[in-house]
């Protein structure tokens, strides 16, 4: 009687462990099938951006390779690089605002001089 229970459990386990992934593999569509389900406009946009996405991915992999040469962990170097880029962006924005403010002051001075 006990052996029948063990056989049932082994069969059920086998069906779940083998049948589950096999069902997922059977049901999941391929990339081509998904692409063909897009409407024509999305297909066109996807094809146009394909090269750009590939270049972005290549740059990403290149940065990872560069970061892996460091003695630090990749995510630490990644965070430092992100912080550096953020600081550069803030500095550039502050510089742009300063230039805009100077231009506005120059325009005001010119307006005052032209009114005199």
PDB file of N, CA and C in Angstrom:
ATOM      1  N   UNK A   1       0.821  -1.187   0.000  1.00  0.00           N
ATOM      2  CA  UNK A   1       0.000   0.000   0.000  1.00  0.00           C
ATOM      3  C   UNK A   1       0.863   1.247   0.000  1.00  0.00           C
ATOM      4  N   UNK A   2       1.953   1.220   0.779  1.00  0.00           N
ATOM      5  CA  UNK A   2       2.840   2.378   0.822  1.00  0.00           C
ATOM      6  C   UNK A   2       3.532   2.600  -0.505  1.00  0.00           C
ATOM      7  N   UNK A   3       3.863   1.575  -1.203  1.00  0.00           N
ATOM      8  CA  UNK A   3       4.573   1.728  -2.477  1.00  0.00           C
ATOM      9  C   UNK A   3       3.686   2.399  -3.520  1.00  0.00           C
ATOM     10  N   UNK A   4       2.397   2.139  -3.486  1.00  0.00           N
ATOM     11  CA  UNK A   4       1.487   2.771  -4.432  1.00  0.00           C
ATOM     12  C   UNK A   4       1.479   4.283  -4.199  1.00  0.00           C
ATOM     13  N   UNK A   5       1.463   4.700  -2.941  1.00  0.00           N
ATOM     14  CA  UNK A   5       1.486   6.121  -2.608  1.00  0.00           C
ATOM     15  C   UNK A   5       2.781   6.759  -3.106  1.00  0.00           C
ATOM     16  N   UNK A   6       3.901   6.050  -2.913  1.00  0.00           N
ATOM     17  CA  UNK A   6       5.189   6.589  -3.361  1.00  0.00           C
ATOM     18  C   UNK A   6       5.246   6.692  -4.884  1.00  0.00           C
ATOM     19  N   UNK A   7       4.671   5.733  -5.552  1.00  0.00           N
ATOM     20  CA  UNK A   7       4.639   5.767  -7.019  1.00  0.00           C
ATOM     21  C   UNK A   7       3.774   6.930  -7.492  1.00  0.00           C
ATOM     22  N   UNK A   8       2.626   7.132  -6.843  1.00  0.00           N
ATOM     23  CA  UNK A   8       1.757   8.246  -7.199  1.00  0.00           C
ATOM     24  C   UNK A   8       2.470   9.579  -6.978  1.00  0.00           C
ATOM     25  N   UNK A   9       3.170   9.708  -5.848  1.00  0.00           N
ATOM     26  CA  UNK A   9       3.893  10.945  -5.556  1.00  0.00           C
ATOM     27  C   UNK A   9       5.007  11.170  -6.577  1.00  0.00           C
ATOM     28  N   UNK A  10       5.732  10.140  -6.929  1.00  0.00           N
ATOM     29  CA  UNK A  10       6.812  10.270  -7.906  1.00  0.00           C
ATOM     30  C   UNK A  10       6.253  10.647  -9.279  1.00  0.00           C
ATOM     31  N   UNK A  11       5.140  10.041  -9.652  1.00  0.00           N
ATOM     32  CA  UNK A  11       4.529  10.368 -10.942  1.00  0.00           C
ATOM     33  C   UNK A  11       4.033  11.820 -10.948  1.00  0.00           C
ATOM     34  N   UNK A  12       3.369  12.231  -9.865  1.00  0.00           N
ATOM     35  CA  UNK A  12       2.877  13.606  -9.785  1.00  0.00           C
ATOM     36  C   UNK A  12       4.039  14.594  -9.796  1.00  0.00           C
ATOM     37  N   UNK A  13       5.092  14.290  -9.070  1.00  0.00           N
ATOM     38  CA  UNK A  13       6.278  15.154  -9.057  1.00  0.00           C
ATOM     39  C   UNK A  13       6.919  15.241 -10.430  1.00  0.00           C
ATOM     40  N   UNK A  14       7.023  14.122 -11.105  1.00  0.00           N
ATOM     41  CA  UNK A  14       7.594  14.104 -12.452  1.00  0.00           C
ATOM     42  C   UNK A  14       6.765  14.906 -13.430  1.00  0.00           C
ATOM     43  N   UNK A  15       5.450  14.764 -13.329  1.00  0.00           N
ATOM     44  CA  UNK A  15       4.560  15.524 -14.222  1.00  0.00           C
ATOM     45  C   UNK A  15       4.723  17.021 -13.975  1.00  0.00           C
ATOM     46  N   UNK A  16       4.796  17.412 -12.700  1.00  0.00           N
ATOM     47  CA  UNK A  16       4.938  18.842 -12.395  1.00  0.00           C
ATOM     48  C   UNK A  16       6.316  19.366 -12.777  1.00  0.00           C
ATOM     49  N   UNK A  17       7.367  18.610 -12.487  1.00  0.00           N
ATOM     50  CA  UNK A  17       8.725  19.082 -12.755  1.00  0.00           C
ATOM     51  C   UNK A  17       9.056  19.074 -14.242  1.00  0.00           C
ATOM     52  N   UNK A  18       8.520  18.153 -14.984  1.00  0.00           N
ATOM     53  CA  UNK A  18       8.817  18.070 -16.409  1.00  0.00           C
ATOM     54  C   UNK A  18       7.699  18.720 -17.225  1.00  0.00           C
ATOM     55  N   UNK A  19       6.466  18.464 -16.866  1.00  0.00           N
ATOM     56  CA  UNK A  19       5.327  18.978 -17.628  1.00  0.00           C
ATOM     57  C   UNK A  19       5.145  20.481 -17.503  1.00  0.00           C
ATOM     58  N   UNK A  20       5.421  21.053 -16.332  1.00  0.00           N
ATOM     59  CA  UNK A  20       5.255  22.496 -16.132  1.00  0.00           C
ATOM     60  C   UNK A  20       6.151  23.301 -17.061  1.00  0.00           C
ATOM     61  N   UNK A  21       7.462  23.087 -17.005  1.00  0.00           N
ATOM     62  CA  UNK A  21       8.339  23.820 -17.929  1.00  0.00           C
ATOM     63  C   UNK A  21       8.043  23.509 -19.402  1.00  0.00           C
ATOM     64  N   UNK A  22       7.664  22.271 -19.702  1.00  0.00           N
ATOM     65  CA  UNK A  22       7.339  21.932 -21.091  1.00  0.00           C
ATOM     66  C   UNK A  22       6.103  22.708 -21.555  1.00  0.00           C
ATOM     67  N   UNK A  23       5.117  22.857 -20.686  1.00  0.00           N
ATOM     68  CA  UNK A  23       3.923  23.625 -21.026  1.00  0.00           C
ATOM     69  C   UNK A  23       4.273  25.096 -21.252  1.00  0.00           C
ATOM     70  N   UNK A  24       5.095  25.663 -20.380  1.00  0.00           N
ATOM     71  CA  UNK A  24       5.516  27.057 -20.531  1.00  0.00           C
ATOM     72  C   UNK A  24       6.264  27.230 -21.849  1.00  0.00           C
ATOM     73  N   UNK A  25       7.151  26.315 -22.176  1.00  0.00           N
ATOM     74  CA  UNK A  25       7.913  26.376 -23.425  1.00  0.00           C
ATOM     75  C   UNK A  25       6.975  26.301 -24.635  1.00  0.00           C
ATOM     76  N   UNK A  26       5.960  25.467 -24.547  1.00  0.00           N
ATOM     77  CA  UNK A  26       5.020  25.288 -25.644  1.00  0.00           C
ATOM     78  C   UNK A  26       4.134  26.512 -25.838  1.00  0.00           C
ATOM     79  N   UNK A  27       3.729  27.157 -24.739  1.00  0.00           N
ATOM     80  CA  UNK A  27       2.776  28.261 -24.785  1.00  0.00           C
ATOM     81  C   UNK A  27       3.450  29.605 -25.102  1.00  0.00           C
ATOM     82  N   UNK A  28       4.705  29.790 -24.696  1.00  0.00           N
ATOM     83  CA  UNK A  28       5.386  31.072 -24.879  1.00  0.00           C
ATOM     84  C   UNK A  28       5.684  31.322 -26.350  1.00  0.00           C
ATOM     85  N   UNK A  29       5.264  32.499 -26.879  1.00  0.00           N
ATOM     86  CA  UNK A  29       5.534  32.793 -28.293  1.00  0.00           C
ATOM     87  C   UNK A  29       6.992  33.208 -28.500  1.00  0.00           C
ATOM     88  N   UNK A  30       7.478  33.005 -29.711  1.00  0.00           N
ATOM     89  CA  UNK A  30       8.843  33.419 -30.051  1.00  0.00           C
ATOM     90  C   UNK A  30       8.851  34.925 -30.323  1.00  0.00           C
ATOM     91  N   UNK A  31      10.050  35.494 -30.447  1.00  0.00           N
ATOM     92  CA  UNK A  31      10.160  36.920 -30.719  1.00  0.00           C
ATOM     93  C   UNK A  31       9.543  37.272 -32.070  1.00  0.00           C
ATOM     94  N   UNK A  32       9.709  36.398 -33.053  1.00  0.00           N
ATOM     95  CA  UNK A  32       9.137  36.653 -34.375  1.00  0.00           C
ATOM     96  C   UNK A  32       7.613  36.673 -34.319  1.00  0.00           C
ATOM     97  N   UNK A  33       7.034  35.728 -33.570  1.00  0.00           N
ATOM     98  CA  UNK A  33       5.576  35.690 -33.446  1.00  0.00           C
ATOM     99  C   UNK A  33       5.048  36.951 -32.761  1.00  0.00           C
ATOM    100  N   UNK A  34       5.757  37.407 -31.716  1.00  0.00           N
ATOM    101  CA  UNK A  34       5.349  38.638 -31.044  1.00  0.00           C
ATOM    102  C   UNK A  34       5.453  39.827 -31.989  1.00  0.00           C
ATOM    103  N   UNK A  35       6.547  39.895 -32.763  1.00  0.00           N
ATOM    104  CA  UNK A  35       6.741  40.999 -33.695  1.00  0.00           C
ATOM    105  C   UNK A  35       5.635  41.035 -34.742  1.00  0.00           C
ATOM    106  N   UNK A  36       5.226  39.859 -35.224  1.00  0.00           N
ATOM    107  CA  UNK A  36       4.170  39.808 -36.232  1.00  0.00           C
ATOM    108  C   UNK A  36       2.806  40.202 -35.673  1.00  0.00           C
ATOM    109  N   UNK A  37       2.624  40.112 -34.355  1.00  0.00           N
ATOM    110  CA  UNK A  37       1.366  40.520 -33.728  1.00  0.00           C
ATOM    111  C   UNK A  37       1.273  42.036 -33.564  1.00  0.00           C
ATOM    112  N   UNK A  38       2.408  42.751 -33.677  1.00  0.00           N
ATOM    113  CA  UNK A  38       2.382  44.220 -33.597  1.00  0.00           C
ATOM    114  C   UNK A  38       1.553  44.773 -34.737  1.00  0.00           C
ATOM    115  N   UNK A  39       0.997  45.967 -34.522  1.00  0.00           N
ATOM    116  CA  UNK A  39       0.366  46.622 -35.651  1.00  0.00           C
ATOM    117  C   UNK A  39       1.474  47.182 -36.551  1.00  0.00           C
ATOM    118  N   UNK A  40       1.186  47.484 -37.805  1.00  0.00           N
ATOM    119  CA  UNK A  40       2.236  47.901 -38.743  1.00  0.00           C
ATOM    120  C   UNK A  40       3.033  49.128 -38.294  1.00  0.00           C
ATOM    121  N   UNK A  41       2.380  50.053 -37.621  1.00  0.00           N
ATOM    122  CA  UNK A  41       3.102  51.247 -37.158  1.00  0.00           C
ATOM    123  C   UNK A  41       4.157  50.883 -36.121  1.00  0.00           C
ATOM    124  N   UNK A  42       3.795  50.012 -35.179  1.00  0.00           N
ATOM    125  CA  UNK A  42       4.758  49.577 -34.165  1.00  0.00           C
ATOM    126  C   UNK A  42       5.889  48.772 -34.797  1.00  0.00           C
ATOM    127  N   UNK A  43       5.580  47.954 -35.787  1.00  0.00           N
ATOM    128  CA  UNK A  43       6.625  47.203 -36.478  1.00  0.00           C
ATOM    129  C   UNK A  43       7.608  48.161 -37.137  1.00  0.00           C
ATOM    130  N   UNK A  44       7.095  49.188 -37.767  1.00  0.00           N
ATOM    131  CA  UNK A  44       7.948  50.164 -38.440  1.00  0.00           C
ATOM    132  C   UNK A  44       8.850  50.872 -37.434  1.00  0.00           C
ATOM    133  N   UNK A  45       8.260  51.333 -36.314  1.00  0.00           N
ATOM    134  CA  UNK A  45       9.050  52.017 -35.280  1.00  0.00           C
ATOM    135  C   UNK A  45      10.095  51.088 -34.675  1.00  0.00           C
ATOM    136  N   UNK A  46       9.710  49.838 -34.474  1.00  0.00           N
ATOM    137  CA  UNK A  46      10.640  48.873 -33.905  1.00  0.00           C
ATOM    138  C   UNK A  46      11.824  48.643 -34.833  1.00  0.00           C
ATOM    139  N   UNK A  47      11.561  48.525 -36.107  1.00  0.00           N
ATOM    140  CA  UNK A  47      12.638  48.326 -37.069  1.00  0.00           C
ATOM    141  C   UNK A  47      13.542  49.555 -37.154  1.00  0.00           C
ATOM    142  N   UNK A  48      12.954  50.753 -37.047  1.00  0.00           N
ATOM    143  CA  UNK A  48      13.750  51.977 -37.091  1.00  0.00           C
ATOM    144  C   UNK A  48      14.659  52.109 -35.881  1.00  0.00           C
ATOM    145  N   UNK A  49      14.173  51.690 -34.730  1.00  0.00           N
ATOM    146  CA  UNK A  49      14.953  51.842 -33.488  1.00  0.00           C
ATOM    147  C   UNK A  49      15.869  50.662 -33.207  1.00  0.00           C
ATOM    148  N   UNK A  50      15.810  49.634 -34.016  1.00  0.00           N
ATOM    149  CA  UNK A  50      16.605  48.423 -33.766  1.00  0.00           C
ATOM    150  C   UNK A  50      18.100  48.732 -33.697  1.00  0.00           C
ATOM    151  N   UNK A  51      18.618  49.523 -34.654  1.00  0.00           N
ATOM    152  CA  UNK A  51      20.039  49.859 -34.689  1.00  0.00           C
ATOM    153  C   UNK A  51      20.423  50.672 -33.455  1.00  0.00           C
ATOM    154  N   UNK A  52      19.569  51.615 -33.089  1.00  0.00           N
ATOM    155  CA  UNK A  52      19.841  52.444 -31.912  1.00  0.00           C
ATOM    156  C   UNK A  52      19.893  51.595 -30.644  1.00  0.00           C
ATOM    157  N   UNK A  53      18.952  50.681 -30.508  1.00  0.00           N
ATOM    158  CA  UNK A  53      18.933  49.802 -29.335  1.00  0.00           C
ATOM    159  C   UNK A  53      20.174  48.913 -29.297  1.00  0.00           C
ATOM    160  N   UNK A  54      20.588  48.421 -30.460  1.00  0.00           N
ATOM    161  CA  UNK A  54      21.782  47.581 -30.522  1.00  0.00           C
ATOM    162  C   UNK A  54      23.016  48.374 -30.104  1.00  0.00           C
ATOM    163  N   UNK A  55      23.123  49.630 -30.557  1.00  0.00           N
ATOM    164  CA  UNK A  55      24.258  50.469 -30.171  1.00  0.00           C
ATOM    165  C   UNK A  55      24.240  50.752 -28.675  1.00  0.00           C
ATOM    166  N   UNK A  56      23.053  51.021 -28.122  1.00  0.00           N
ATOM    167  CA  UNK A  56      22.938  51.247 -26.681  1.00  0.00           C
ATOM    168  C   UNK A  56      23.380  50.017 -25.904  1.00  0.00           C
ATOM    169  N   UNK A  57      22.965  48.852 -26.372  1.00  0.00           N
ATOM    170  CA  UNK A  57      23.350  47.617 -25.691  1.00  0.00           C
ATOM    171  C   UNK A  57      24.862  47.405 -25.776  1.00  0.00           C
ATOM    172  N   UNK A  58      25.445  47.680 -26.943  1.00  0.00           N
ATOM    173  CA  UNK A  58      26.893  47.532 -27.098  1.00  0.00           C
ATOM    174  C   UNK A  58      27.651  48.483 -26.171  1.00  0.00           C
ATOM    175  N   UNK A  59      27.144  49.713 -26.039  1.00  0.00           N
ATOM    176  CA  UNK A  59      27.766  50.663 -25.119  1.00  0.00           C
ATOM    177  C   UNK A  59      27.635  50.180 -23.675  1.00  0.00           C
ATOM    178  N   UNK A  60      26.483  49.634 -23.348  1.00  0.00           N
ATOM    179  CA  UNK A  60      26.251  49.108 -22.002  1.00  0.00           C
ATOM    180  C   UNK A  60      27.239  47.990 -21.686  1.00  0.00           C
ATOM    181  N   UNK A  61      27.406  47.063 -22.622  1.00  0.00           N
ATOM    182  CA  UNK A  61      28.324  45.946 -22.407  1.00  0.00           C
ATOM    183  C   UNK A  61      29.757  46.465 -22.323  1.00  0.00           C
ATOM    184  N   UNK A  62      30.091  47.452 -23.145  1.00  0.00           N
ATOM    185  CA  UNK A  62      31.426  48.041 -23.096  1.00  0.00           C
ATOM    186  C   UNK A  62      31.715  48.682 -21.750  1.00  0.00           C
ATOM    187  N   UNK A  63      30.704  49.403 -21.211  1.00  0.00           N
ATOM    188  CA  UNK A  63      30.884  50.008 -19.886  1.00  0.00           C
ATOM    189  C   UNK A  63      31.046  48.931 -18.820  1.00  0.00           C
ATOM    190  N   UNK A  64      30.275  47.857 -18.920  1.00  0.00           N
ATOM    191  CA  UNK A  64      30.410  46.775 -17.940  1.00  0.00           C
ATOM    192  C   UNK A  64      31.803  46.164 -17.993  1.00  0.00           C
ATOM    193  N   UNK A  65      32.315  45.970 -19.193  1.00  0.00           N
ATOM    194  CA  UNK A  65      33.676  45.423 -19.323  1.00  0.00           C
ATOM    195  C   UNK A  65      34.697  46.371 -18.720  1.00  0.00           C
ATOM    196  N   UNK A  66      34.502  47.661 -18.960  1.00  0.00           N
ATOM    197  CA  UNK A  66      35.419  48.658 -18.402  1.00  0.00           C
ATOM    198  C   UNK A  66      35.343  48.670 -16.878  1.00  0.00           C
ATOM    199  N   UNK A  67      34.112  48.607 -16.354  1.00  0.00           N
ATOM    200  CA  UNK A  67      33.926  48.610 -14.901  1.00  0.00           C
ATOM    201  C   UNK A  67      34.493  47.348 -14.267  1.00  0.00           C
ATOM    202  N   UNK A  68      34.453  46.237 -14.982  1.00  0.00           N
ATOM    203  CA  UNK A  68      34.938  44.984 -14.404  1.00  0.00           C
ATOM    204  C   UNK A  68      36.453  44.974 -14.268  1.00  0.00           C
ATOM    205  N   UNK A  69      37.150  45.871 -14.968  1.00  0.00           N
ATOM    206  CA  UNK A  69      38.607  45.942 -14.859  1.00  0.00           C
ATOM    207  C   UNK A  69      39.038  46.594 -13.552  1.00  0.00           C
ATOM    208  N   UNK A  70      38.125  47.282 -12.895  1.00  0.00           N
ATOM    209  CA  UNK A  70      38.428  47.964 -11.646  1.00  0.00           C
ATOM    210  C   UNK A  70      38.536  46.959 -10.501  1.00  0.00           C
ATOM    211  N   UNK A  71      39.213  47.374  -9.446  1.00  0.00           N
ATOM    212  CA  UNK A  71      39.331  46.530  -8.257  1.00  0.00           C
ATOM    213  C   UNK A  71      38.025  46.499  -7.459  1.00  0.00           C
ATOM    214  N   UNK A  72      37.179  47.496  -7.676  1.00  0.00           N
ATOM    215  CA  UNK A  72      35.919  47.596  -6.932  1.00  0.00           C
ATOM    216  C   UNK A  72      34.854  46.738  -7.599  1.00  0.00           C
ATOM    217  N   UNK A  73      33.752  46.559  -6.880  1.00  0.00           N
ATOM    218  CA  UNK A  73      32.618  45.838  -7.444  1.00  0.00           C
ATOM    219  C   UNK A  73      32.016  46.650  -8.588  1.00  0.00           C
ATOM    220  N   UNK A  74      31.430  45.945  -9.544  1.00  0.00           N
ATOM    221  CA  UNK A  74      30.865  46.607 -10.717  1.00  0.00           C
ATOM    222  C   UNK A  74      29.788  47.600 -10.304  1.00  0.00           C
ATOM    223  N   UNK A  75      28.900  47.232  -9.382  1.00  0.00           N
ATOM    224  CA  UNK A  75      27.804  48.124  -9.020  1.00  0.00           C
ATOM    225  C   UNK A  75      28.319  49.364  -8.288  1.00  0.00           C
ATOM    226  N   UNK A  76      29.436  49.238  -7.553  1.00  0.00           N
ATOM    227  CA  UNK A  76      30.012  50.405  -6.888  1.00  0.00           C
ATOM    228  C   UNK A  76      30.547  51.386  -7.923  1.00  0.00           C
ATOM    229  N   UNK A  77      31.270  50.873  -8.911  1.00  0.00           N
ATOM    230  CA  UNK A  77      31.800  51.722  -9.977  1.00  0.00           C
ATOM    231  C   UNK A  77      30.650  52.330 -10.769  1.00  0.00           C
ATOM    232  N   UNK A  78      29.602  51.549 -11.008  1.00  0.00           N
ATOM    233  CA  UNK A  78      28.426  52.028 -11.747  1.00  0.00           C
ATOM    234  C   UNK A  78      27.789  53.203 -11.008  1.00  0.00           C
ATOM    235  N   UNK A  79      27.623  53.065  -9.683  1.00  0.00           N
ATOM    236  CA  UNK A  79      27.013  54.131  -8.891  1.00  0.00           C
ATOM    237  C   UNK A  79      27.886  55.380  -8.895  1.00  0.00           C
ATOM    238  N   UNK A  80      29.210  55.192  -8.809  1.00  0.00           N
ATOM    239  CA  UNK A  80      30.112  56.336  -8.841  1.00  0.00           C
ATOM    240  C   UNK A  80      30.020  57.058 -10.184  1.00  0.00           C
ATOM    241  N   UNK A  81      29.954  56.303 -11.260  1.00  0.00           N
ATOM    242  CA  UNK A  81      29.834  56.896 -12.589  1.00  0.00           C
ATOM    243  C   UNK A  81      28.506  57.641 -12.726  1.00  0.00           C
ATOM    244  N   UNK A  82      27.428  57.062 -12.210  1.00  0.00           N
ATOM    245  CA  UNK A  82      26.120  57.724 -12.267  1.00  0.00           C
ATOM    246  C   UNK A  82      26.141  59.021 -11.469  1.00  0.00           C
ATOM    247  N   UNK A  83      26.770  59.003 -10.308  1.00  0.00           N
ATOM    248  CA  UNK A  83      26.877  60.214  -9.488  1.00  0.00           C
ATOM    249  C   UNK A  83      27.705  61.272 -10.208  1.00  0.00           C
ATOM    250  N   UNK A  84      28.771  60.851 -10.848  1.00  0.00           N
ATOM    251  CA  UNK A  84      29.625  61.783 -11.605  1.00  0.00           C
ATOM    252  C   UNK A  84      28.832  62.427 -12.748  1.00  0.00           C
ATOM    253  N   UNK A  85      28.064  61.620 -13.476  1.00  0.00           N
ATOM    254  CA  UNK A  85      27.251  62.148 -14.571  1.00  0.00           C
ATOM    255  C   UNK A  85      26.172  63.092 -14.051  1.00  0.00           C
ATOM    256  N   UNK A  86      25.589  62.750 -12.906  1.00  0.00           N
ATOM    257  CA  UNK A  86      24.569  63.610 -12.314  1.00  0.00           C
ATOM    258  C   UNK A  86      25.169  64.952 -11.941  1.00  0.00           C
ATOM    259  N   UNK A  87      26.359  64.947 -11.314  1.00  0.00           N
ATOM    260  CA  UNK A  87      27.021  66.191 -10.946  1.00  0.00           C
ATOM    261  C   UNK A  87      27.346  67.027 -12.186  1.00  0.00           C
ATOM    262  N   UNK A  88      27.801  66.359 -13.254  1.00  0.00           N
ATOM    263  CA  UNK A  88      28.100  67.080 -14.497  1.00  0.00           C
ATOM    264  C   UNK A  88      26.829  67.708 -15.061  1.00  0.00           C
ATOM    265  N   UNK A  89      25.723  66.993 -14.988  1.00  0.00           N
ATOM    266  CA  UNK A  89      24.452  67.520 -15.471  1.00  0.00           C
ATOM    267  C   UNK A  89      24.007  68.725 -14.660  1.00  0.00           C
ATOM    268  N   UNK A  90      24.160  68.659 -13.342  1.00  0.00           N
ATOM    269  CA  UNK A  90      23.778  69.776 -12.482  1.00  0.00           C
ATOM    270  C   UNK A  90      24.664  70.974 -12.779  1.00  0.00           C
ATOM    271  N   UNK A  91      25.967  70.736 -12.944  1.00  0.00           N
ATOM    272  CA  UNK A  91      26.896  71.826 -13.259  1.00  0.00           C
ATOM    273  C   UNK A  91      26.546  72.469 -14.594  1.00  0.00           C
ATOM    274  N   UNK A  92      26.247  71.654 -15.583  1.00  0.00           N
ATOM    275  CA  UNK A  92      25.881  72.178 -16.899  1.00  0.00           C
ATOM    276  C   UNK A  92      24.586  72.995 -16.816  1.00  0.00           C
ATOM    277  N   UNK A  93      23.628  72.532 -16.046  1.00  0.00           N
ATOM    278  CA  UNK A  93      22.372  73.262 -15.890  1.00  0.00           C
ATOM    279  C   UNK A  93      22.604  74.596 -15.185  1.00  0.00           C
ATOM    280  N   UNK A  94      23.448  74.608 -14.151  1.00  0.00           N
ATOM    281  CA  UNK A  94      23.750  75.859 -13.462  1.00  0.00           C
ATOM    282  C   UNK A  94      24.449  76.835 -14.399  1.00  0.00           C
ATOM    283  N   UNK A  95      25.362  76.339 -15.197  1.00  0.00           N
ATOM    284  CA  UNK A  95      26.071  77.189 -16.166  1.00  0.00           C
ATOM    285  C   UNK A  95      25.092  77.755 -17.204  1.00  0.00           C
ATOM    286  N   UNK A  96      24.184  76.919 -17.661  1.00  0.00           N
ATOM    287  CA  UNK A  96      23.189  77.378 -18.628  1.00  0.00           C
ATOM    288  C   UNK A  96      22.315  78.475 -18.028  1.00  0.00           C
ATOM    289  N   UNK A  97      21.923  78.300 -16.763  1.00  0.00           N
ATOM    290  CA  UNK A  97      21.094  79.314 -16.101  1.00  0.00           C
ATOM    291  C   UNK A  97      21.853  80.615 -15.913  1.00  0.00           C
ATOM    292  N   UNK A  98      23.154  80.517 -15.554  1.00  0.00           N
ATOM    293  CA  UNK A  98      23.969  81.720 -15.407  1.00  0.00           C
ATOM    294  C   UNK A  98      24.055  82.478 -16.725  1.00  0.00           C
ATOM    295  N   UNK A  99      24.284  81.742 -17.809  1.00  0.00           N
ATOM    296  CA  UNK A  99      24.375  82.369 -19.120  1.00  0.00           C
ATOM    297  C   UNK A  99      23.044  83.021 -19.498  1.00  0.00           C
ATOM    298  N   UNK A 100      21.944  82.368 -19.219  1.00  0.00           N
ATOM    299  CA  UNK A 100      20.637  82.929 -19.525  1.00  0.00           C
ATOM    300  C   UNK A 100      20.392  84.196 -18.704  1.00  0.00           C
ATOM    301  N   UNK A 101      20.823  84.179 -17.451  1.00  0.00           N
ATOM    302  CA  UNK A 101      20.650  85.346 -16.602  1.00  0.00           C
ATOM    303  C   UNK A 101      21.505  86.508 -17.116  1.00  0.00           C
ATOM    304  N   UNK A 102      22.747  86.238 -17.519  1.00  0.00           N
ATOM    305  CA  UNK A 102      23.595  87.286 -18.073  1.00  0.00           C
ATOM    306  C   UNK A 102      23.008  87.869 -19.352  1.00  0.00           C
ATOM    307  N   UNK A 103      22.478  87.001 -20.213  1.00  0.00           N
ATOM    308  CA  UNK A 103      21.855  87.473 -21.444  1.00  0.00           C
ATOM    309  C   UNK A 103      20.639  88.345 -21.133  1.00  0.00           C
ATOM    310  N   UNK A 104      19.855  87.945 -20.145  1.00  0.00           N
ATOM    311  CA  UNK A 104      18.681  88.737 -19.763  1.00  0.00           C
ATOM    312  C   UNK A 104      19.114  90.107 -19.236  1.00  0.00           C
ATOM    313  N   UNK A 105      20.177  90.149 -18.425  1.00  0.00           N
ATOM    314  CA  UNK A 105      20.673  91.424 -17.913  1.00  0.00           C
ATOM    315  C   UNK A 105      21.175  92.308 -19.049  1.00  0.00           C
ATOM    316  N   UNK A 106      21.885  91.702 -20.007  1.00  0.00           N
ATOM    317  CA  UNK A 106      22.367  92.478 -21.156  1.00  0.00           C
ATOM    318  C   UNK A 106      21.201  93.055 -21.956  1.00  0.00           C
ATOM    319  N   UNK A 107      20.158  92.261 -22.159  1.00  0.00           N
ATOM    320  CA  UNK A 107      18.983  92.746 -22.874  1.00  0.00           C
ATOM    321  C   UNK A 107      18.304  93.892 -22.128  1.00  0.00           C
ATOM    322  N   UNK A 108      18.229  93.775 -20.787  1.00  0.00           N
ATOM    323  CA  UNK A 108      17.636  94.844 -19.985  1.00  0.00           C
ATOM    324  C   UNK A 108      18.440  96.137 -20.117  1.00  0.00           C
ATOM    325  N   UNK A 109      19.782  95.999 -20.057  1.00  0.00           N
ATOM    326  CA  UNK A 109      20.634  97.181 -20.192  1.00  0.00           C
ATOM    327  C   UNK A 109      20.452  97.815 -21.563  1.00  0.00           C
ATOM    328  N   UNK A 110      20.381  96.987 -22.603  1.00  0.00           N
ATOM    329  CA  UNK A 110      20.185  97.505 -23.949  1.00  0.00           C
ATOM    330  C   UNK A 110      18.839  98.206 -24.074  1.00  0.00           C
ATOM    331  N   UNK A 111      17.828  97.640 -23.448  1.00  0.00           N
ATOM    332  CA  UNK A 111      16.489  98.258 -23.488  1.00  0.00           C
ATOM    333  C   UNK A 111      16.505  99.625 -22.786  1.00  0.00           C
ATOM    334  N   UNK A 112      17.199  99.694 -21.615  1.00  0.00           N
ATOM    335  CA  UNK A 112      17.285 100.955 -20.882  1.00  0.00           C
ATOM    336  C   UNK A 112      18.024 101.999 -21.699  1.00  0.00           C
ATOM    337  N   UNK A 113      19.116 101.573 -22.347  1.00  0.00           N
ATOM    338  CA  UNK A 113      19.910 102.505 -23.151  1.00  0.00           C
ATOM    339  C   UNK A 113      19.123 102.973 -24.377  1.00  0.00           C
ATOM    340  N   UNK A 114      18.366 102.091 -24.939  1.00  0.00           N
ATOM    341  CA  UNK A 114      17.595 102.484 -26.134  1.00  0.00           C
ATOM    342  C   UNK A 114      16.429 103.407 -25.761  1.00  0.00           C
ATOM    343  N   UNK A 115      15.930 103.318 -24.539  1.00  0.00           N
ATOM    344  CA  UNK A 115      14.842 104.179 -24.100  1.00  0.00           C
ATOM    345  C   UNK A 115      15.339 105.592 -23.751  1.00  0.00           C
ATOM    346  N   UNK A 116      16.600 105.739 -23.441  1.00  0.00           N
ATOM    347  CA  UNK A 116      17.147 107.050 -23.049  1.00  0.00           C
ATOM    348  C   UNK A 116      17.333 107.952 -24.192  1.00  0.00           C
TER     349      UNK A 116
END
